[in-house]
Amino acid sequence: MSAAPGALAAYRPALRPRVLLSDPLLDGAATVHLIKDAGTGNSFKVGPKEHFLIARMDGERSLAEIGEAYVGEYGRRLGDAHWQRLLALLGAKGLLAGAPEPKPAPTSAPPKPAPSSVPPEKRTLLRGSLPLVADADATTARLHRVFGFLLAPAVMVPLLALVLAMEAVVVARSGELLLAVRGLMTHPVLLTGTAVLLWVSTALHELAHGVVARHHGGRVAEIGLRWRLPAVIMYCTVDNYLYLGTRRHRIATAAAGAVMNLVFLLPFCALWLFAPLDDATHEAFAALLLLGSVQAFTMLVPLPPLDGYKIACQLAGATGLAASAGGYLRLALRRSPEAAAYPRRARIAYPLYAVATVLVLAAAVAAAVAGVHHLLTA
């Protein structure tokens, strides 16, 4: 039997340009690839073998050529029935060029939104979300044209060096900053001003995700406000975050928000250190430095849905890392034979994630306890 018998052998299938394919990702004991239709937002998982075939559907290679490559990779020749099932599946989902668009799902069973999308929700006084711009991607493109130069290594490296120097000062003078935070609570006007600056930092955090994603070929689907009263925050949804070109680009996009929080603090740190300020303003800037630093590093804690968790997922090359690690560790602690069936990469990544998370949380608790002790004894 040929790789693709009959008329199918010469067929040259092509995916629609809007179809996105992810890198291989650990998903429990399995390795999967995510496939997303950027036009509809629908996404699904396939195994490595299916991905091997789908990724080669570029309109240039025939099924016979793809089939021969599959034989070379997996040592198995595919027949007509397999090709027909695969093409029928891709056609039904509207992923093949020339295939009809997929019909909308019945209203009684709405499709599950893609993991990276913001699900629609009923807007009420207490909770909801509101898009702020009609075309978030165009808005992000304009921001990138203005501020994209900051991402050049010649600019970013000195900025990061200044951030590290600032955080060294924050650690060295943490006792003084803690007392400044306590003092800030007795100045309602300065406390309000500090809260406003922290909110602005949060808004810039979200926009930084979008600008860095755009820099690496990403698409921003929505920029808006989300409220869970009394909290009101901005959000920025990167529609194709998991499908950006390289792991480094995805990590940079996830880390961009926390880096922006810290860069935002640099001018205030300079004023605090070198400007002739009155005592109240000097104390307010000191409190802002500590609170802003805590805000930034909290976002890097590797727990969902924080940015640190997204970074951990990329470092591990996994989707659903927390759930997968928990499932593996439960099996491993029971010495279940199923734990041995996990691939070697998973047996390393999942325990490392668990240990790293425990260490980060322990360090955070220790810092909080030390801070409280300092305030009580000062």
Protein backbone atom coordinates (compact mmCIF):
# COMPACT_ATOMS: atom_id res chain seq x y z
CA MET A 1 0.00 0.00 0.00
CA SER A 2 1.38 3.46 -0.89
CA ALA A 3 1.64 6.24 1.62
CA ALA A 4 -1.59 7.76 0.31
CA PRO A 5 -3.25 5.53 -2.25
CA GLY A 6 -5.39 6.59 -5.18
CA ALA A 7 -6.42 10.17 -5.79
CA LEU A 8 -5.44 11.20 -2.27
CA ALA A 9 -1.74 10.68 -2.98
CA ALA A 10 -1.46 13.83 -5.10
CA TYR A 11 -3.61 16.03 -2.86
CA ARG A 12 -1.71 18.97 -1.34
CA PRO A 13 -3.64 20.09 1.73
CA ALA A 14 -3.03 23.54 3.21
CA LEU A 15 -4.05 24.88 6.59
CA ARG A 16 -5.73 28.26 6.72
CA PRO A 17 -3.24 31.05 7.56
CA ARG A 18 -5.12 31.71 10.81
CA VAL A 19 -4.40 28.21 12.18
CA LEU A 20 -1.84 28.24 15.00
CA LEU A 21 0.23 25.27 16.22
CA SER A 22 2.01 25.12 19.57
CA ASP A 23 5.27 23.50 20.57
CA PRO A 24 5.06 20.07 22.26
CA LEU A 25 3.68 20.43 25.78
CA LEU A 26 3.47 18.04 28.71
CA ASP A 27 -0.13 17.35 29.70
CA GLY A 28 -0.13 14.90 32.60
CA ALA A 29 1.64 11.80 31.32
CA ALA A 30 1.02 12.72 27.67
CA THR A 31 2.76 15.04 25.25
CA VAL A 32 0.35 17.18 23.22
CA HIS A 33 0.27 20.05 20.78
CA LEU A 34 -2.37 22.76 20.88
CA ILE A 35 -4.08 23.80 17.66
CA LYS A 36 -6.08 27.01 17.54
CA ASP A 37 -8.27 28.64 14.92
CA ALA A 38 -7.49 32.31 15.53
CA GLY A 39 -10.60 33.26 13.57
CA THR A 40 -13.09 31.46 15.82
CA GLY A 41 -11.01 31.13 19.00
CA ASN A 42 -11.61 27.35 19.07
CA SER A 43 -8.67 25.23 20.18
CA PHE A 44 -8.02 21.54 20.75
CA LYS A 45 -5.21 19.11 21.54
CA VAL A 46 -3.56 16.54 19.29
CA GLY A 47 -0.79 14.04 19.85
CA PRO A 48 2.73 14.26 18.37
CA LYS A 49 1.90 11.94 15.45
CA GLU A 50 -1.14 13.94 14.39
CA HIS A 51 0.85 17.15 14.78
CA PHE A 52 3.64 15.73 12.61
CA LEU A 53 1.12 15.34 9.78
CA ILE A 54 -0.84 18.54 10.31
CA ALA A 55 2.25 20.75 10.58
CA ARG A 56 3.34 19.62 7.10
CA MET A 57 0.07 20.59 5.42
CA ASP A 58 1.45 23.73 3.79
CA GLY A 59 -0.02 23.38 0.29
CA GLU A 60 3.40 22.49 -1.11
CA ARG A 61 3.72 18.86 -0.01
CA SER A 62 1.40 16.13 -1.23
CA LEU A 63 -0.07 13.50 1.05
CA ALA A 64 2.31 11.01 -0.56
CA GLU A 65 5.29 13.16 0.46
CA ILE A 66 3.93 13.74 3.95
CA GLY A 67 3.26 10.02 4.26
CA GLU A 68 6.81 9.13 3.30
CA ALA A 69 8.15 11.57 5.90
CA TYR A 70 5.86 9.89 8.45
CA VAL A 71 7.27 6.47 7.54
CA GLY A 72 10.78 7.82 8.06
CA GLU A 73 9.85 9.23 11.49
CA TYR A 74 7.55 6.54 12.88
CA GLY A 75 8.17 3.49 10.69
CA ARG A 76 4.50 3.09 9.81
CA ARG A 77 2.72 3.61 6.49
CA LEU A 78 -0.70 5.26 6.55
CA GLY A 79 -3.62 4.13 4.42
CA ASP A 80 -6.48 5.95 2.76
CA ALA A 81 -8.85 5.47 5.69
CA HIS A 82 -6.49 7.27 8.08
CA TRP A 83 -6.01 10.22 5.72
CA GLN A 84 -9.74 10.48 5.13
CA ARG A 85 -10.47 10.59 8.86
CA LEU A 86 -7.80 13.23 9.49
CA LEU A 87 -8.86 15.42 6.54
CA ALA A 88 -12.52 15.07 7.49
CA LEU A 89 -11.73 16.21 11.04
CA LEU A 90 -9.72 19.22 9.88
CA GLY A 91 -12.32 20.09 7.26
CA ALA A 92 -15.18 19.89 9.76
CA LYS A 93 -13.33 22.30 12.04
CA GLY A 94 -12.75 24.68 9.14
CA LEU A 95 -8.96 24.46 9.41
CA LEU A 96 -8.21 23.50 5.80
CA ALA A 97 -8.02 26.11 3.08
CA GLY A 98 -11.04 25.71 0.85
CA ALA A 99 -13.10 23.96 3.49
CA PRO A 100 -16.41 25.58 4.50
CA GLU A 101 -16.40 27.67 7.63
CA PRO A 102 -17.47 25.69 10.70
CA LYS A 103 -21.08 26.21 11.69
CA PRO A 104 -21.66 28.07 14.93
CA ALA A 105 -22.42 25.79 17.84
CA PRO A 106 -26.04 25.62 19.05
CA THR A 107 -26.91 28.20 21.67
CA SER A 108 -27.84 25.42 24.10
CA ALA A 109 -24.25 24.16 24.10
CA PRO A 110 -21.84 27.09 23.70
CA PRO A 111 -18.26 26.17 22.85
CA LYS A 112 -15.71 26.21 25.61
CA PRO A 113 -13.56 29.33 25.20
CA ALA A 114 -9.89 29.00 24.37
CA PRO A 115 -7.61 29.09 27.44
CA SER A 116 -6.10 32.42 26.43
CA SER A 117 -9.38 34.22 25.75
CA VAL A 118 -11.45 36.31 28.13
CA PRO A 119 -14.79 34.51 28.52
CA PRO A 120 -17.89 36.65 28.21
CA GLU A 121 -19.59 37.34 31.48
CA LYS A 122 -22.72 39.03 32.67
CA ARG A 123 -21.92 42.59 33.62
CA THR A 124 -23.29 43.74 36.99
CA LEU A 125 -22.53 46.54 39.42
CA LEU A 126 -20.42 44.17 41.55
CA ARG A 127 -18.50 42.36 38.83
CA GLY A 128 -17.92 42.49 35.11
CA SER A 129 -15.57 43.67 32.38
CA LEU A 130 -15.66 46.45 29.82
CA PRO A 131 -13.48 46.71 26.67
CA LEU A 132 -11.85 50.14 26.47
CA VAL A 133 -10.82 50.23 22.80
CA ALA A 134 -12.50 49.02 19.63
CA ASP A 135 -9.31 47.53 18.13
CA ALA A 136 -6.95 46.38 20.87
CA ASP A 137 -4.40 45.03 18.41
CA ALA A 138 -4.15 48.34 16.54
CA THR A 139 -3.84 50.21 19.83
CA THR A 140 -1.03 47.92 20.93
CA ALA A 141 0.67 48.37 17.57
CA ARG A 142 0.68 52.14 18.08
CA LEU A 143 2.09 51.73 21.59
CA HIS A 144 4.78 49.44 20.19
CA ARG A 145 5.78 52.01 17.57
CA VAL A 146 6.26 54.61 20.30
CA PHE A 147 7.82 52.50 23.06
CA GLY A 148 9.23 49.50 21.21
CA PHE A 149 12.73 51.00 21.32
CA LEU A 150 12.81 50.17 25.04
CA LEU A 151 12.94 46.47 24.12
CA ALA A 152 16.23 46.85 22.26
CA PRO A 153 19.10 45.19 24.18
CA ALA A 154 21.04 48.48 24.26
CA VAL A 155 18.20 50.00 26.30
CA MET A 156 16.80 47.00 28.14
CA VAL A 157 20.10 45.79 29.62
CA PRO A 158 20.88 49.11 31.38
CA LEU A 159 17.26 49.32 32.59
CA LEU A 160 17.46 45.85 34.10
CA ALA A 161 20.80 46.72 35.71
CA LEU A 162 19.18 49.78 37.31
CA VAL A 163 16.25 47.65 38.49
CA LEU A 164 18.65 45.17 40.14
CA ALA A 165 20.50 48.04 41.83
CA MET A 166 17.19 49.49 43.04
CA GLU A 167 16.07 46.16 44.50
CA ALA A 168 19.41 45.78 46.25
CA VAL A 169 18.72 49.13 47.92
CA VAL A 170 15.18 48.01 48.79
CA VAL A 171 16.52 44.88 50.49
CA ALA A 172 19.34 46.71 52.27
CA ARG A 173 16.98 49.36 53.63
CA SER A 174 13.87 47.20 54.03
CA GLY A 175 13.53 48.09 57.71
CA GLU A 176 13.34 51.79 56.91
CA LEU A 177 10.84 51.13 54.10
CA LEU A 178 8.62 49.04 56.36
CA LEU A 179 8.42 51.89 58.85
CA ALA A 180 7.57 54.22 55.96
CA VAL A 181 4.65 51.96 54.99
CA ARG A 182 3.38 52.07 58.57
CA GLY A 183 3.73 55.85 58.63
CA LEU A 184 1.91 56.17 55.30
CA MET A 185 -1.24 54.74 56.89
CA THR A 186 -1.56 57.89 59.01
CA HIS A 187 -1.53 60.25 55.97
CA PRO A 188 -4.79 59.73 54.01
CA VAL A 189 -3.84 62.08 51.17
CA LEU A 190 -0.42 60.50 50.58
CA LEU A 191 -1.93 57.04 51.02
CA THR A 192 -4.48 57.81 48.30
CA GLY A 193 -1.78 59.16 46.00
CA THR A 194 0.34 56.04 46.54
CA ALA A 195 -2.65 53.80 45.80
CA VAL A 196 -3.29 55.71 42.56
CA LEU A 197 0.34 55.28 41.51
CA LEU A 198 0.18 51.55 42.24
CA TRP A 199 -3.00 51.33 40.12
CA VAL A 200 -1.25 53.12 37.27
CA SER A 201 1.61 50.64 37.63
CA THR A 202 -0.89 47.80 37.34
CA ALA A 203 -2.35 49.30 34.15
CA LEU A 204 1.13 49.68 32.65
CA HIS A 205 1.83 46.07 33.71
CA GLU A 206 -1.03 44.88 31.50
CA LEU A 207 -0.09 47.07 28.55
CA ALA A 208 3.50 45.84 28.79
CA HIS A 209 2.29 42.28 28.22
CA GLY A 210 0.58 43.43 25.04
CA VAL A 211 3.48 45.50 23.71
CA VAL A 212 6.05 42.73 24.27
CA ALA A 213 3.71 40.15 22.75
CA ARG A 214 3.27 42.43 19.74
CA HIS A 215 7.06 42.78 19.50
CA HIS A 216 7.29 38.99 19.16
CA GLY A 217 4.46 38.61 16.66
CA GLY A 218 1.55 38.28 19.08
CA ARG A 219 -1.97 39.57 18.68
CA VAL A 220 -3.82 41.46 21.42
CA ALA A 221 -7.51 40.60 21.41
CA GLU A 222 -8.83 42.92 24.10
CA ILE A 223 -7.85 45.76 26.44
CA GLY A 224 -10.33 46.72 29.08
CA LEU A 225 -11.37 47.15 32.68
CA ARG A 226 -12.43 44.31 34.95
CA TRP A 227 -14.03 44.90 38.31
CA ARG A 228 -14.71 42.73 41.33
CA LEU A 229 -15.76 45.49 43.66
CA PRO A 230 -14.02 47.09 45.42
CA ALA A 231 -11.13 46.16 43.06
CA VAL A 232 -11.02 47.63 39.55
CA ILE A 233 -8.09 46.64 37.32
CA MET A 234 -7.10 46.77 33.67
CA TYR A 235 -6.59 43.62 31.61
CA CYS A 236 -4.89 42.90 28.31
CA THR A 237 -5.59 39.60 26.55
CA VAL A 238 -2.87 38.22 24.26
CA ASP A 239 -4.89 36.01 21.94
CA ASN A 240 -2.06 33.79 20.73
CA TYR A 241 0.31 33.78 23.72
CA LEU A 242 0.87 29.99 23.68
CA TYR A 243 1.67 30.11 19.95
CA LEU A 244 4.36 32.80 19.92
CA GLY A 245 7.45 31.79 17.98
CA THR A 246 9.81 30.62 20.72
CA ARG A 247 9.72 29.75 24.40
CA ARG A 248 11.97 32.74 25.10
CA HIS A 249 9.40 35.05 23.51
CA ARG A 250 6.61 33.58 25.62
CA ILE A 251 8.64 33.92 28.82
CA ALA A 252 9.52 37.53 27.93
CA THR A 253 5.84 38.30 27.36
CA ALA A 254 4.82 36.77 30.68
CA ALA A 255 7.61 38.55 32.58
CA ALA A 256 7.00 41.92 30.91
CA GLY A 257 4.36 43.02 33.42
CA ALA A 258 6.52 42.56 36.52
CA VAL A 259 9.50 44.19 34.79
CA MET A 260 7.28 47.16 33.90
CA ASN A 261 6.20 47.46 37.56
CA LEU A 262 9.84 47.70 38.61
CA VAL A 263 10.89 50.08 35.81
CA PHE A 264 7.97 52.31 36.83
CA LEU A 265 9.57 52.64 40.30
CA LEU A 266 12.98 53.82 39.03
CA PRO A 267 12.26 57.58 38.92
CA PHE A 268 10.65 57.46 42.36
CA CYS A 269 13.69 55.62 43.70
CA ALA A 270 15.97 58.31 42.25
CA LEU A 271 13.86 61.06 43.83
CA TRP A 272 13.83 59.24 47.17
CA LEU A 273 17.60 58.79 47.17
CA PHE A 274 18.78 62.12 45.76
CA ALA A 275 16.04 64.80 45.70
CA PRO A 276 15.55 67.31 48.56
CA LEU A 277 12.04 66.19 49.60
CA ASP A 278 10.02 67.07 52.65
CA ASP A 279 9.74 64.30 55.25
CA ALA A 280 6.17 63.26 54.34
CA THR A 281 6.90 62.95 50.59
CA HIS A 282 10.19 61.18 51.29
CA GLU A 283 8.34 58.66 53.44
CA ALA A 284 5.61 58.21 50.81
CA PHE A 285 8.18 57.44 48.10
CA ALA A 286 9.89 54.97 50.43
CA ALA A 287 6.56 53.21 51.00
CA LEU A 288 5.85 53.22 47.26
CA LEU A 289 9.19 51.52 46.59
CA LEU A 290 8.46 48.70 49.00
CA LEU A 291 4.80 48.22 48.04
CA GLY A 292 5.58 48.42 44.32
CA SER A 293 8.39 45.88 44.65
CA VAL A 294 6.11 43.51 46.57
CA GLN A 295 3.46 44.00 43.88
CA ALA A 296 5.92 43.09 41.12
CA PHE A 297 7.41 40.03 42.80
CA THR A 298 4.00 38.74 43.88
CA MET A 299 3.10 38.47 40.19
CA LEU A 300 6.12 36.19 39.73
CA VAL A 301 4.93 33.60 42.27
CA PRO A 302 4.49 30.35 40.26
CA LEU A 303 0.83 29.77 41.11
CA PRO A 304 -2.11 30.12 38.70
CA PRO A 305 -3.22 32.55 37.36
CA LEU A 306 -0.13 34.69 38.08
CA ASP A 307 2.53 35.55 35.51
CA GLY A 308 5.05 33.44 37.42
CA TYR A 309 2.90 30.40 36.74
CA LYS A 310 2.93 31.12 33.00
CA ILE A 311 6.72 31.39 33.15
CA ALA A 312 6.93 28.09 35.08
CA CYS A 313 4.72 26.41 32.47
CA GLN A 314 7.04 27.59 29.71
CA LEU A 315 10.18 26.52 31.56
CA ALA A 316 8.65 23.07 32.10
CA GLY A 317 7.17 22.94 28.60
CA ALA A 318 3.78 22.02 30.05
CA THR A 319 0.12 22.97 29.97
CA GLY A 320 -1.91 22.73 33.16
CA LEU A 321 1.35 22.39 35.11
CA ALA A 322 -0.11 22.68 38.62
CA ALA A 323 -2.77 20.01 38.07
CA SER A 324 -0.35 17.71 36.24
CA ALA A 325 2.31 18.06 38.95
CA GLY A 326 -0.27 17.35 41.64
CA GLY A 327 -1.51 14.25 39.84
CA TYR A 328 1.99 12.90 39.32
CA LEU A 329 3.09 13.53 42.91
CA ARG A 330 0.02 11.75 44.31
CA LEU A 331 0.90 8.71 42.20
CA ALA A 332 4.60 8.90 43.08
CA LEU A 333 3.96 9.17 46.82
CA ARG A 334 1.72 6.08 46.65
CA ARG A 335 4.48 4.34 44.64
CA SER A 336 1.93 3.65 41.95
CA PRO A 337 3.25 1.92 38.80
CA GLU A 338 1.42 4.61 36.82
CA ALA A 339 4.01 7.17 37.97
CA ALA A 340 6.75 5.23 36.17
CA ALA A 341 4.77 5.52 32.93
CA TYR A 342 5.27 9.28 32.85
CA PRO A 343 7.97 10.44 30.41
CA ARG A 344 11.35 11.25 31.93
CA ARG A 345 10.89 14.98 31.28
CA ALA A 346 7.65 14.94 33.26
CA ARG A 347 9.24 12.98 36.14
CA ILE A 348 11.82 15.77 36.42
CA ALA A 349 9.67 18.83 35.68
CA TYR A 350 6.73 18.08 37.98
CA PRO A 351 8.70 17.54 41.23
CA LEU A 352 10.95 20.52 40.42
CA TYR A 353 7.88 22.73 40.00
CA ALA A 354 6.45 21.53 43.31
CA VAL A 355 9.74 22.09 45.18
CA ALA A 356 10.29 25.52 43.61
CA THR A 357 6.75 26.59 44.48
CA VAL A 358 7.13 25.48 48.10
CA LEU A 359 10.47 27.31 48.39
CA VAL A 360 9.04 30.52 46.92
CA LEU A 361 6.02 30.43 49.23
CA ALA A 362 8.23 29.66 52.23
CA ALA A 363 10.47 32.61 51.38
CA ALA A 364 7.43 34.87 51.04
CA VAL A 365 6.05 33.75 54.40
CA ALA A 366 9.45 34.18 56.06
CA ALA A 367 9.77 37.71 54.63
CA ALA A 368 6.27 38.59 55.83
CA VAL A 369 6.98 37.26 59.33
CA ALA A 370 10.28 39.14 59.49
CA GLY A 371 8.53 42.31 58.38
CA VAL A 372 5.81 42.00 61.02
CA HIS A 373 8.42 41.26 63.70
CA HIS A 374 10.40 44.34 62.67
CA LEU A 375 7.31 46.56 62.89
CA LEU A 376 6.35 45.17 66.30
CA THR A 377 9.83 45.66 67.75
CA ALA A 378 10.72 48.97 66.07
